[in-house]
Amino acid sequence: MNDDNIDYGEMIYVHDGAEEGITAFTERGIESLQEFLADVRSWRGGIRQFLIDQDCEPDVIERIMADEPKT
């Protein structure tokens, strides 16, 4: 959870019968992510710069950017 963009309870742990379970988002959590991504796209450098600032691995950044719609 990140206090800047995901409110308490919007990202939840779901026990799916497996030992690890999964992390999921509520409907409002998905809306929050969409709002956050729309905001980040408006920042100087956009999503790529955000990922760099978050110290993401270069190969992860390239995989994410490959799926990013071109404007």
C-alpha atoms as a PDB file:
ATOM      1  CA  MET A   1       0.000   0.000   0.000  1.00  0.00           C
ATOM      2  CA  ASN A   2       1.209   3.484  -0.815  1.00  0.00           C
ATOM      3  CA  ASP A   3      -0.435   6.300   1.146  1.00  0.00           C
ATOM      4  CA  ASP A   4      -0.035   8.614  -1.845  1.00  0.00           C
ATOM      5  CA  ASN A   5      -2.361   6.705  -4.143  1.00  0.00           C
ATOM      6  CA  ILE A   6      -3.960   3.628  -2.552  1.00  0.00           C
ATOM      7  CA  ASP A   7      -6.298   4.165   0.395  1.00  0.00           C
ATOM      8  CA  TYR A   8      -6.417   1.772   3.335  1.00  0.00           C
ATOM      9  CA  GLY A   9      -8.348  -1.364   2.451  1.00  0.00           C
ATOM     10  CA  GLU A  10      -8.183  -0.920  -1.324  1.00  0.00           C
ATOM     11  CA  MET A  11      -5.365  -3.426  -1.743  1.00  0.00           C
ATOM     12  CA  ILE A  12      -6.279  -6.681  -0.044  1.00  0.00           C
ATOM     13  CA  TYR A  13      -4.870 -10.159   0.529  1.00  0.00           C
ATOM     14  CA  VAL A  14      -7.050 -12.938  -0.846  1.00  0.00           C
ATOM     15  CA  HIS A  15      -6.689 -16.454   0.482  1.00  0.00           C
ATOM     16  CA  ASP A  16      -7.214 -18.627  -2.585  1.00  0.00           C
ATOM     17  CA  GLY A  17      -6.441 -22.002  -1.086  1.00  0.00           C
ATOM     18  CA  ALA A  18      -2.774 -21.817  -2.081  1.00  0.00           C
ATOM     19  CA  GLU A  19      -0.176 -21.359   0.599  1.00  0.00           C
ATOM     20  CA  GLU A  20       0.712 -17.837  -0.573  1.00  0.00           C
ATOM     21  CA  GLY A  21      -2.686 -16.470  -1.634  1.00  0.00           C
ATOM     22  CA  ILE A  22      -2.769 -13.398  -3.861  1.00  0.00           C
ATOM     23  CA  THR A  23      -2.862  -9.635  -3.576  1.00  0.00           C
ATOM     24  CA  ALA A  24      -5.926  -8.024  -5.158  1.00  0.00           C
ATOM     25  CA  PHE A  25      -7.618  -4.652  -5.418  1.00  0.00           C
ATOM     26  CA  THR A  26     -11.129  -3.616  -4.576  1.00  0.00           C
ATOM     27  CA  GLU A  27     -13.132  -1.758  -7.222  1.00  0.00           C
ATOM     28  CA  ARG A  28     -12.105   1.540  -5.602  1.00  0.00           C
ATOM     29  CA  GLY A  29      -8.486   0.330  -5.515  1.00  0.00           C
ATOM     30  CA  ILE A  30      -8.556  -0.174  -9.283  1.00  0.00           C
ATOM     31  CA  GLU A  31     -10.063   3.296  -9.728  1.00  0.00           C
ATOM     32  CA  SER A  32      -7.280   4.740  -7.539  1.00  0.00           C
ATOM     33  CA  LEU A  33      -4.639   3.042  -9.679  1.00  0.00           C
ATOM     34  CA  GLN A  34      -6.238   4.388 -12.848  1.00  0.00           C
ATOM     35  CA  GLU A  35      -6.293   7.903 -11.378  1.00  0.00           C
ATOM     36  CA  PHE A  36      -2.666   7.582 -10.280  1.00  0.00           C
ATOM     37  CA  LEU A  37      -1.521   6.400 -13.716  1.00  0.00           C
ATOM     38  CA  ALA A  38      -3.405   9.232 -15.425  1.00  0.00           C
ATOM     39  CA  ASP A  39      -1.671  11.664 -13.084  1.00  0.00           C
ATOM     40  CA  VAL A  40       1.797  10.151 -13.625  1.00  0.00           C
ATOM     41  CA  ARG A  41       1.356  10.352 -17.404  1.00  0.00           C
ATOM     42  CA  SER A  42       1.010  14.130 -17.026  1.00  0.00           C
ATOM     43  CA  TRP A  43       4.292  14.482 -15.105  1.00  0.00           C
ATOM     44  CA  ARG A  44       7.489  15.545 -16.840  1.00  0.00           C
ATOM     45  CA  GLY A  45       9.032  12.322 -18.138  1.00  0.00           C
ATOM     46  CA  GLY A  46       5.809  10.403 -17.549  1.00  0.00           C
ATOM     47  CA  ILE A  47       5.717   6.800 -16.477  1.00  0.00           C
ATOM     48  CA  ARG A  48       9.293   6.067 -17.599  1.00  0.00           C
ATOM     49  CA  GLN A  49      10.702   8.789 -15.339  1.00  0.00           C
ATOM     50  CA  PHE A  50       8.491   7.657 -12.457  1.00  0.00           C
ATOM     51  CA  LEU A  51       9.855   4.110 -12.784  1.00  0.00           C
ATOM     52  CA  ILE A  52      13.432   5.392 -12.949  1.00  0.00           C
ATOM     53  CA  ASP A  53      12.847   7.518  -9.848  1.00  0.00           C
ATOM     54  CA  GLN A  54      11.488   4.410  -8.079  1.00  0.00           C
ATOM     55  CA  ASP A  55      14.756   2.553  -8.879  1.00  0.00           C
ATOM     56  CA  CYS A  56      13.070  -0.072 -11.062  1.00  0.00           C
ATOM     57  CA  GLU A  57      15.373  -2.407 -12.930  1.00  0.00           C
ATOM     58  CA  PRO A  58      15.975  -1.313 -16.542  1.00  0.00           C
ATOM     59  CA  ASP A  59      14.567  -4.575 -17.951  1.00  0.00           C
ATOM     60  CA  VAL A  60      11.380  -4.123 -15.902  1.00  0.00           C
ATOM     61  CA  ILE A  61      11.027  -0.549 -17.158  1.00  0.00           C
ATOM     62  CA  GLU A  62      11.383  -1.709 -20.759  1.00  0.00           C
ATOM     63  CA  ARG A  63       8.767  -4.452 -20.288  1.00  0.00           C
ATOM     64  CA  ILE A  64       6.325  -1.954 -18.785  1.00  0.00           C
ATOM     65  CA  MET A  65       6.998   0.660 -21.437  1.00  0.00           C
ATOM     66  CA  ALA A  66       6.528  -1.910 -24.211  1.00  0.00           C
ATOM     67  CA  ASP A  67       2.908  -2.270 -23.038  1.00  0.00           C
ATOM     68  CA  GLU A  68       2.338   1.487 -22.584  1.00  0.00           C
ATOM     69  CA  PRO A  69       0.004   2.965 -25.205  1.00  0.00           C
ATOM     70  CA  LYS A  70       1.745   5.442 -27.514  1.00  0.00           C
ATOM     71  CA  THR A  71       0.340   8.967 -27.478  1.00  0.00           C
END
